[in-house]
Amino acid sequence: MKISTTIEKTAEEELKKIQELASGIDGFEVTIQVKVGEEGQLFESINQQKISDKLKDSGFEVKKSQIDLPDPIKELGEFPVKINLEHNLEAEIKVIVAEEKI
């Protein structure tokens, strides 16, 4: 009986943490600056790892596997990106790909 109560409390605490992450990250904007050629082409594409790293820099622990990005971003602009969290929770962030100022 005591073990199941501890497991339930741990599960509740985990769910609460994930809910806090979802509410904190939902609507969050991530700006990634990249080098751009004369024709406007990016010298690198933006993938789940780069987004995950930027989120970690901002204090959000999101694994790259939780970032729903079917294809890497290869152009400047703003892109909505869905984050799939545990317990079927979702959040959406905005990834802003901007030209790196030299």
Protein backbone atom coordinates (compact mmCIF):
# COMPACT_ATOMS: atom_id res chain seq x y z
CA MET A 1 0.00 0.00 0.00
CA LYS A 2 2.77 2.41 0.93
CA ILE A 3 4.72 1.71 -2.28
CA SER A 4 1.74 2.49 -4.53
CA THR A 5 1.15 5.78 -2.67
CA THR A 6 4.78 6.76 -3.26
CA ILE A 7 4.52 5.82 -6.94
CA GLU A 8 1.31 7.86 -7.29
CA LYS A 9 2.94 10.88 -5.63
CA THR A 10 5.97 10.58 -7.91
CA ALA A 11 3.72 10.32 -10.97
CA GLU A 12 1.70 13.35 -9.82
CA GLU A 13 4.88 15.37 -9.27
CA GLU A 14 6.18 14.38 -12.71
CA LEU A 15 2.87 15.35 -14.34
CA LYS A 16 2.91 18.69 -12.50
CA LYS A 17 6.47 19.39 -13.74
CA ILE A 18 5.49 18.58 -17.33
CA GLN A 19 2.36 20.75 -17.07
CA GLU A 20 4.51 23.63 -15.79
CA LEU A 21 6.94 23.10 -18.68
CA ALA A 22 4.05 23.04 -21.18
CA SER A 23 2.53 26.25 -19.84
CA GLY A 24 5.92 27.97 -19.63
CA ILE A 25 7.05 27.02 -23.10
CA ASP A 26 3.73 27.46 -24.95
CA GLY A 27 4.00 30.57 -27.12
CA PHE A 28 7.73 30.93 -26.36
CA GLU A 29 9.84 32.47 -29.11
CA VAL A 30 13.25 31.08 -30.01
CA THR A 31 15.49 33.20 -32.22
CA ILE A 32 18.25 31.44 -34.10
CA GLN A 33 20.70 33.59 -36.02
CA VAL A 34 22.38 32.11 -39.08
CA LYS A 35 24.80 33.21 -41.76
CA VAL A 36 23.09 34.04 -45.03
CA GLY A 37 24.55 34.21 -48.53
CA GLU A 38 24.04 37.01 -51.04
CA GLU A 39 21.14 35.14 -52.64
CA GLY A 40 19.41 34.82 -49.26
CA GLN A 41 20.27 31.13 -48.84
CA LEU A 42 21.15 29.86 -45.38
CA PHE A 43 24.59 28.35 -44.85
CA GLU A 44 23.05 25.90 -42.38
CA SER A 45 19.63 24.42 -41.76
CA ILE A 46 17.78 24.52 -38.47
CA ASN A 47 17.00 21.07 -37.08
CA GLN A 48 15.57 19.64 -33.85
CA GLN A 49 18.99 19.61 -32.16
CA LYS A 50 19.56 23.34 -32.72
CA ILE A 51 16.07 24.15 -31.41
CA SER A 52 16.57 21.85 -28.40
CA ASP A 53 19.91 23.52 -27.61
CA LYS A 54 18.35 27.00 -27.79
CA LEU A 55 15.49 25.91 -25.52
CA LYS A 56 18.01 24.49 -23.02
CA ASP A 57 19.87 27.83 -23.10
CA SER A 58 16.55 29.44 -22.10
CA GLY A 59 16.00 27.01 -19.24
CA PHE A 60 13.64 24.52 -20.91
CA GLU A 61 14.67 20.86 -20.93
CA VAL A 62 13.22 19.58 -24.21
CA LYS A 63 14.66 16.56 -26.00
CA LYS A 64 15.13 16.81 -29.75
CA SER A 65 12.80 13.81 -30.16
CA GLN A 66 9.99 15.89 -28.62
CA ILE A 67 10.27 18.58 -31.29
CA ASP A 68 7.86 17.99 -34.16
CA LEU A 69 9.82 19.26 -37.15
CA PRO A 70 9.24 17.08 -40.23
CA ASP A 71 11.98 18.82 -42.26
CA PRO A 72 14.84 21.14 -41.29
CA ILE A 73 14.13 24.86 -41.70
CA LYS A 74 16.13 26.22 -44.63
CA GLU A 75 14.93 29.82 -44.92
CA LEU A 76 14.59 33.02 -42.92
CA GLY A 77 11.28 33.69 -41.20
CA GLU A 78 9.01 32.68 -38.36
CA PHE A 79 7.86 29.09 -38.00
CA PRO A 80 5.39 27.53 -35.56
CA VAL A 81 6.85 24.32 -34.11
CA LYS A 82 4.96 21.82 -31.99
CA ILE A 83 6.55 20.30 -28.89
CA ASN A 84 5.21 16.86 -27.90
CA LEU A 85 5.63 16.35 -24.16
CA GLU A 86 4.95 13.35 -21.96
CA HIS A 87 1.38 12.59 -20.81
CA ASN A 88 0.08 13.63 -24.26
CA LEU A 89 0.70 17.31 -23.51
CA GLU A 90 1.61 19.63 -26.36
CA ALA A 91 2.94 23.13 -26.64
CA GLU A 92 3.73 25.34 -29.60
CA ILE A 93 6.71 27.62 -29.87
CA LYS A 94 7.72 30.09 -32.53
CA VAL A 95 11.13 29.59 -34.12
CA ILE A 96 12.47 32.80 -35.63
CA VAL A 97 15.30 32.30 -38.10
CA ALA A 98 17.12 35.61 -38.53
CA GLU A 99 20.20 36.76 -40.38
CA GLU A 100 23.32 36.88 -38.23
CA LYS A 101 24.58 40.46 -38.03
CA ILE A 102 28.31 40.71 -38.57
